[in-house]
Structures are given as structure tokens and as C-alpha cells.
């Protein structure tokens, strides 16, 4: 705006200087004396320059507002990202799995105690459970929840399962089938595990269980919180 004012002052000076001369009528016969100038023309020129400057100011304000909006949006995205990272750090690692045993029907009996491989994986967040081995490995020290159940068919007289932590039995399910239908049992447990501890389900030797496409037998677990 200061530059515009200076330009306008110079324009007035030039118009006034160019129009000055000796007293007398205008040689062109307009009736104006030398030294006179058209006030309306000067006013129109001033208004045109001022209008142009005002448009420049409006455009600058609009550009500044757009830039401010972009900066604000960027700051909001950064705030959301920081909040997500902060929550993730507070919550710790995410660990959860759930898997079905088999569609084969009767499983077992085997000559020795055998780790069951729950091959139908439904959820495996954190990839801590291995369907190829049937073993869950704790990725961090923390408190974990585990659950499992057992089914036996009328073709089997005795059925049993064990939950083992680091190859040591922690729970056992067992039932006798009188050949008139299915038998079932279920249990769950909360344990504090160290990083690297392993948990799995064991089918004792000479016992059998039953699973099919209805997913009758499920082994599940998840991290409650790290410690």
C-alpha cells in the first residue's frame, strides 16, 4: 500500500509538471490554460490504481487463509498420529489367537502324549500361535488368558485333553462316553508368562477327541496386559 501511495503522488507530480507553462489558451483550442489538468482523469487513474491494490490485498488474504487451513490440517493429522502412537505405546503389543482343531472327525489315539495342532486358524494377531506346531509362544512378559474345550463322540469310550505350559500340565479335561451321544467339557485359565514361554494342548496317549466342520474344539488365548 505504501508503494501505491508513492506511485500516485509521483503521477500527480508528473501531470502537474507536464501541464505547466506560460499563461494563455491551449493551442489545441480546448479552452484550458497551460498548467491546467483534468481532475476527473486523475481521479479515475487514482481509483483504478486503488482498486487494483485492493484486489491484490484480497488475493493475498485468500492465499494466507488457504495456507493457514493447510497448516491447521497438517497439525491435526500430526496430533491424531501422535495420539495413536501414544495409545499403542500404552497398550503394548496386541496378541490374540483362536483356532479350530480339524475337520477329520475322530483324532487319536496315539502311542504317546501328543501336542495337538489346531490347524484352522480364525485369528492370529501378533502371529504368536503356530498352526504347524500347535504351540503358542509368549512374545512379551505379561498376563495371558487361555481357553480350550473337548469333544468326544459315541465311537469313543474315554476322551481327555491337557493344557500345558512349558511342557508342564496345568489343567486336564476328561470324560467317559456311554456310547449314546457326544460328551464335552471346557475350561479356561489366566497365567503370568515370561517372554518365550510356550503353551499348547496335549492329547494323552490312548485317548481320542472329536472335531468336524462345526468347529467343536477351539483353542484360544490373548494378552490381557504386559507386566
Protein backbone atom coordinates (compact mmCIF):
# COMPACT_ATOMS: atom_id res chain seq x y z
CA UNK A 1 0.00 0.00 0.00
CA UNK A 2 2.88 2.40 0.74
CA UNK A 3 4.35 1.77 -2.74
CA UNK A 4 0.93 2.51 -4.30
CA UNK A 5 0.68 5.84 -2.45
CA UNK A 6 4.16 6.84 -3.62
CA UNK A 7 3.27 5.95 -7.23
CA UNK A 8 0.09 8.00 -7.04
CA UNK A 9 1.99 11.02 -5.68
CA UNK A 10 4.53 10.76 -8.50
CA UNK A 11 1.69 10.51 -11.03
CA UNK A 12 0.17 13.74 -9.70
CA UNK A 13 3.53 15.49 -9.83
CA UNK A 14 4.12 14.42 -13.43
CA UNK A 15 0.66 15.50 -14.53
CA UNK A 16 1.07 18.86 -12.84
CA UNK A 17 4.60 19.45 -14.16
CA UNK A 18 3.72 18.41 -17.72
CA UNK A 19 0.77 20.70 -17.78
CA UNK A 20 2.63 23.82 -16.52
CA UNK A 21 3.86 26.53 -18.98
CA UNK A 22 3.26 30.11 -19.86
CA UNK A 23 -0.17 31.66 -19.26
CA UNK A 24 -2.51 31.53 -22.26
CA UNK A 25 -5.05 29.50 -24.04
CA UNK A 26 -4.44 25.87 -25.01
CA UNK A 27 -3.07 25.78 -28.61
CA UNK A 28 -5.49 22.93 -29.38
CA UNK A 29 -8.38 25.22 -28.65
CA UNK A 30 -9.82 23.28 -25.74
CA UNK A 31 -10.25 26.38 -23.65
CA UNK A 32 -7.86 25.18 -20.97
CA UNK A 33 -4.96 27.27 -19.90
CA UNK A 34 -1.49 25.88 -19.74
CA UNK A 35 -0.93 24.49 -16.27
CA UNK A 36 -4.46 23.14 -16.03
CA UNK A 37 -5.16 19.39 -15.95
CA UNK A 38 -8.27 17.21 -15.94
CA UNK A 39 -9.19 16.41 -12.33
CA UNK A 40 -11.60 13.65 -13.43
CA UNK A 41 -8.87 11.86 -15.34
CA UNK A 42 -6.54 11.97 -12.35
CA UNK A 43 -9.35 10.79 -10.06
CA UNK A 44 -10.15 7.90 -12.41
CA UNK A 45 -6.47 6.92 -12.56
CA UNK A 46 -6.21 7.03 -8.77
CA UNK A 47 -9.36 4.93 -8.33
CA UNK A 48 -8.10 2.36 -10.87
CA UNK A 49 -4.81 2.00 -9.04
CA UNK A 50 -6.53 1.75 -5.67
CA UNK A 51 -8.96 -0.88 -6.98
CA UNK A 52 -6.05 -2.91 -8.32
CA UNK A 53 -4.26 -2.70 -4.96
CA UNK A 54 -7.39 -3.74 -3.08
CA UNK A 55 -7.74 -6.79 -5.33
CA UNK A 56 -4.11 -7.70 -4.61
CA UNK A 57 -4.78 -7.40 -0.86
CA UNK A 58 -7.88 -9.65 -1.17
CA UNK A 59 -5.91 -12.26 -3.10
CA UNK A 60 -3.12 -12.16 -0.52
CA UNK A 61 -5.62 -12.61 2.33
CA UNK A 62 -7.22 -15.53 0.48
CA UNK A 63 -3.83 -17.17 -0.10
CA UNK A 64 -2.90 -16.67 3.57
CA UNK A 65 -6.21 -18.20 4.70
CA UNK A 66 -5.66 -21.22 2.42
CA UNK A 67 -2.15 -21.65 3.75
CA UNK A 68 -3.42 -21.40 7.34
CA UNK A 69 -6.05 -24.07 6.63
CA UNK A 70 -3.38 -26.39 5.21
CA UNK A 71 -1.10 -25.84 8.21
CA UNK A 72 -4.01 -26.46 10.61
CA UNK A 73 -4.99 -29.66 8.78
CA UNK A 74 -1.38 -30.85 8.90
CA UNK A 75 -1.17 -30.11 12.64
CA UNK A 76 -4.44 -32.01 13.23
CA UNK A 77 -3.11 -35.05 11.35
CA UNK A 78 0.09 -34.90 13.40
CA UNK A 79 -1.93 -34.70 16.62
CA UNK A 80 -4.03 -37.74 15.66
CA UNK A 81 -0.92 -39.71 14.70
CA UNK A 82 0.78 -38.81 17.99
CA UNK A 83 -2.34 -39.87 19.90
CA UNK A 84 -2.43 -43.23 18.10
CA UNK A 85 1.26 -43.80 18.75
CA UNK A 86 0.82 -42.83 22.40
CA UNK A 87 -2.12 -45.25 22.80
CA UNK A 88 -0.16 -48.03 21.10
CA UNK A 89 2.78 -47.45 23.43
CA UNK A 90 0.50 -47.51 26.49
CA UNK A 91 -1.46 -50.55 25.34
CA UNK A 92 1.63 -52.56 24.45
CA UNK A 93 1.73 -55.32 21.83
CA UNK A 94 -1.52 -56.77 20.51
CA UNK A 95 -1.64 -60.57 20.86
CA UNK A 96 -4.69 -62.79 20.29
CA UNK A 97 -5.38 -66.10 18.58
CA UNK A 98 -8.17 -68.61 18.12
CA UNK A 99 -8.03 -71.86 16.12
CA UNK A 100 -10.14 -74.95 15.46
CA UNK A 101 -8.66 -78.45 15.60
CA UNK A 102 -9.67 -80.43 12.49
CA UNK A 103 -12.43 -81.47 10.09
CA UNK A 104 -11.30 -85.12 10.27
CA UNK A 105 -13.72 -86.36 12.94
CA UNK A 106 -12.05 -88.69 15.43
CA UNK A 107 -8.45 -87.69 16.32
CA UNK A 108 -6.27 -90.27 18.09
CA UNK A 109 -5.45 -92.42 19.87
CA UNK A 110 -1.64 -92.07 19.70
CA UNK A 111 1.04 -94.19 21.35
CA UNK A 112 2.44 -91.23 23.31
CA UNK A 113 1.22 -87.92 24.66
CA UNK A 114 0.94 -85.67 21.58
CA UNK A 115 0.67 -81.91 21.06
CA UNK A 116 -2.49 -81.19 19.08
CA UNK A 117 -2.06 -78.93 16.05
CA UNK A 118 -5.07 -76.66 15.78
CA UNK A 119 -4.83 -76.02 12.05
CA UNK A 120 -8.00 -73.98 11.38
CA UNK A 121 -6.78 -70.52 12.35
CA UNK A 122 -9.53 -67.93 12.82
CA UNK A 123 -7.48 -65.18 14.45
CA UNK A 124 -3.74 -64.82 14.95
CA UNK A 125 -2.95 -61.20 15.77
CA UNK A 126 0.75 -60.91 16.54
CA UNK A 127 1.48 -64.31 14.95
CA UNK A 128 2.32 -65.80 18.36
CA UNK A 129 0.49 -69.07 17.64
CA UNK A 130 1.92 -71.58 15.15
CA UNK A 131 -0.63 -73.88 13.43
CA UNK A 132 2.22 -76.09 12.15
CA UNK A 133 3.37 -76.94 15.69
CA UNK A 134 0.25 -76.21 17.77
CA UNK A 135 2.38 -74.07 20.12
CA UNK A 136 1.74 -70.56 21.40
CA UNK A 137 4.91 -68.59 22.28
CA UNK A 138 4.56 -65.53 24.52
CA UNK A 139 6.11 -62.55 22.70
CA UNK A 140 6.32 -60.43 25.87
CA UNK A 141 6.15 -60.88 29.61
CA UNK A 142 2.54 -60.41 30.67
CA UNK A 143 -0.73 -61.80 31.93
CA UNK A 144 -2.49 -64.07 29.40
CA UNK A 145 -5.91 -65.68 29.17
CA UNK A 146 -6.34 -69.17 27.62
CA UNK A 147 -9.40 -71.31 26.96
CA UNK A 148 -9.96 -74.72 25.35
CA UNK A 149 -12.67 -77.35 25.14
CA UNK A 150 -13.02 -81.06 24.41
CA UNK A 151 -15.49 -83.20 22.49
CA UNK A 152 -15.86 -86.96 22.36
CA UNK A 153 -18.11 -88.94 20.04
CA UNK A 154 -20.16 -92.12 20.69
CA UNK A 155 -17.42 -94.09 18.90
CA UNK A 156 -15.02 -93.32 21.77
CA UNK A 157 -15.30 -94.51 25.35
CA UNK A 158 -12.74 -92.26 27.07
CA UNK A 159 -11.70 -88.76 26.00
CA UNK A 160 -9.25 -86.35 27.62
CA UNK A 161 -7.17 -83.21 26.97
CA UNK A 162 -4.49 -81.32 28.87
CA UNK A 163 -3.34 -77.71 28.82
CA UNK A 164 0.44 -77.48 29.23
CA UNK A 165 2.75 -74.55 29.98
CA UNK A 166 6.41 -75.15 29.21
CA UNK A 167 5.63 -78.88 28.91
CA UNK A 168 4.07 -78.97 32.38
CA UNK A 169 0.36 -79.82 32.70
CA UNK A 170 -1.76 -77.01 34.18
CA UNK A 171 -5.30 -78.32 33.51
CA UNK A 172 -6.92 -81.58 32.42
CA UNK A 173 -10.35 -82.31 30.94
CA UNK A 174 -11.65 -85.88 30.94
CA UNK A 175 -14.96 -87.66 30.40
CA UNK A 176 -16.40 -91.09 29.69
CA UNK A 177 -18.80 -91.67 26.82
CA UNK A 178 -21.51 -94.31 27.36
CA UNK A 179 -21.94 -94.63 23.57
CA UNK A 180 -25.32 -92.84 23.49
CA UNK A 181 -24.14 -89.44 22.22
CA UNK A 182 -21.46 -86.78 22.47
CA UNK A 183 -19.62 -85.66 25.60
CA UNK A 184 -17.94 -82.29 26.07
CA UNK A 185 -16.07 -80.21 28.61
CA UNK A 186 -14.38 -76.80 28.69
CA UNK A 187 -12.15 -74.69 30.91
CA UNK A 188 -10.06 -71.52 30.95
CA UNK A 189 -7.12 -70.12 32.88
CA UNK A 190 -5.24 -66.84 33.47
CA UNK A 191 -1.46 -67.12 33.75
CA UNK A 192 1.51 -64.80 34.01
CA UNK A 193 4.03 -65.75 31.31
CA UNK A 194 7.60 -64.74 30.72
CA UNK A 195 8.73 -63.80 27.24
CA UNK A 196 9.41 -67.05 25.36
CA UNK A 197 7.15 -69.27 27.49
CA UNK A 198 5.17 -71.82 25.44
CA UNK A 199 1.61 -73.08 25.86
CA UNK A 200 -0.18 -75.88 24.00
CA UNK A 201 -2.87 -78.57 24.20
CA UNK A 202 -1.85 -82.21 24.70
CA UNK A 203 -3.82 -85.33 23.79
CA UNK A 204 -2.81 -88.03 26.33
CA UNK A 205 -1.81 -91.42 24.90
CA UNK A 206 -4.67 -93.92 24.31
CA UNK A 207 -7.30 -91.13 24.39
CA UNK A 208 -9.24 -89.65 21.48
CA UNK A 209 -11.22 -86.47 20.77
CA UNK A 210 -13.66 -85.44 18.06
CA UNK A 211 -13.92 -82.39 15.78
CA UNK A 212 -15.55 -81.67 12.44
CA UNK A 213 -16.63 -78.82 10.18
CA UNK A 214 -18.79 -77.44 13.02
CA UNK A 215 -15.58 -76.41 14.85
CA UNK A 216 -16.45 -78.24 18.04
CA UNK A 217 -12.94 -77.89 19.53
CA UNK A 218 -11.35 -74.44 19.85
CA UNK A 219 -8.06 -73.33 21.42
CA UNK A 220 -7.87 -69.57 22.15
CA UNK A 221 -5.73 -67.10 24.03
CA UNK A 222 -4.81 -63.42 24.26
CA UNK A 223 -2.65 -60.98 26.15
CA UNK A 224 -4.57 -59.21 28.91
CA UNK A 225 -1.77 -56.74 29.68
CA UNK A 226 2.05 -56.68 29.71
CA UNK A 227 3.91 -56.56 33.05
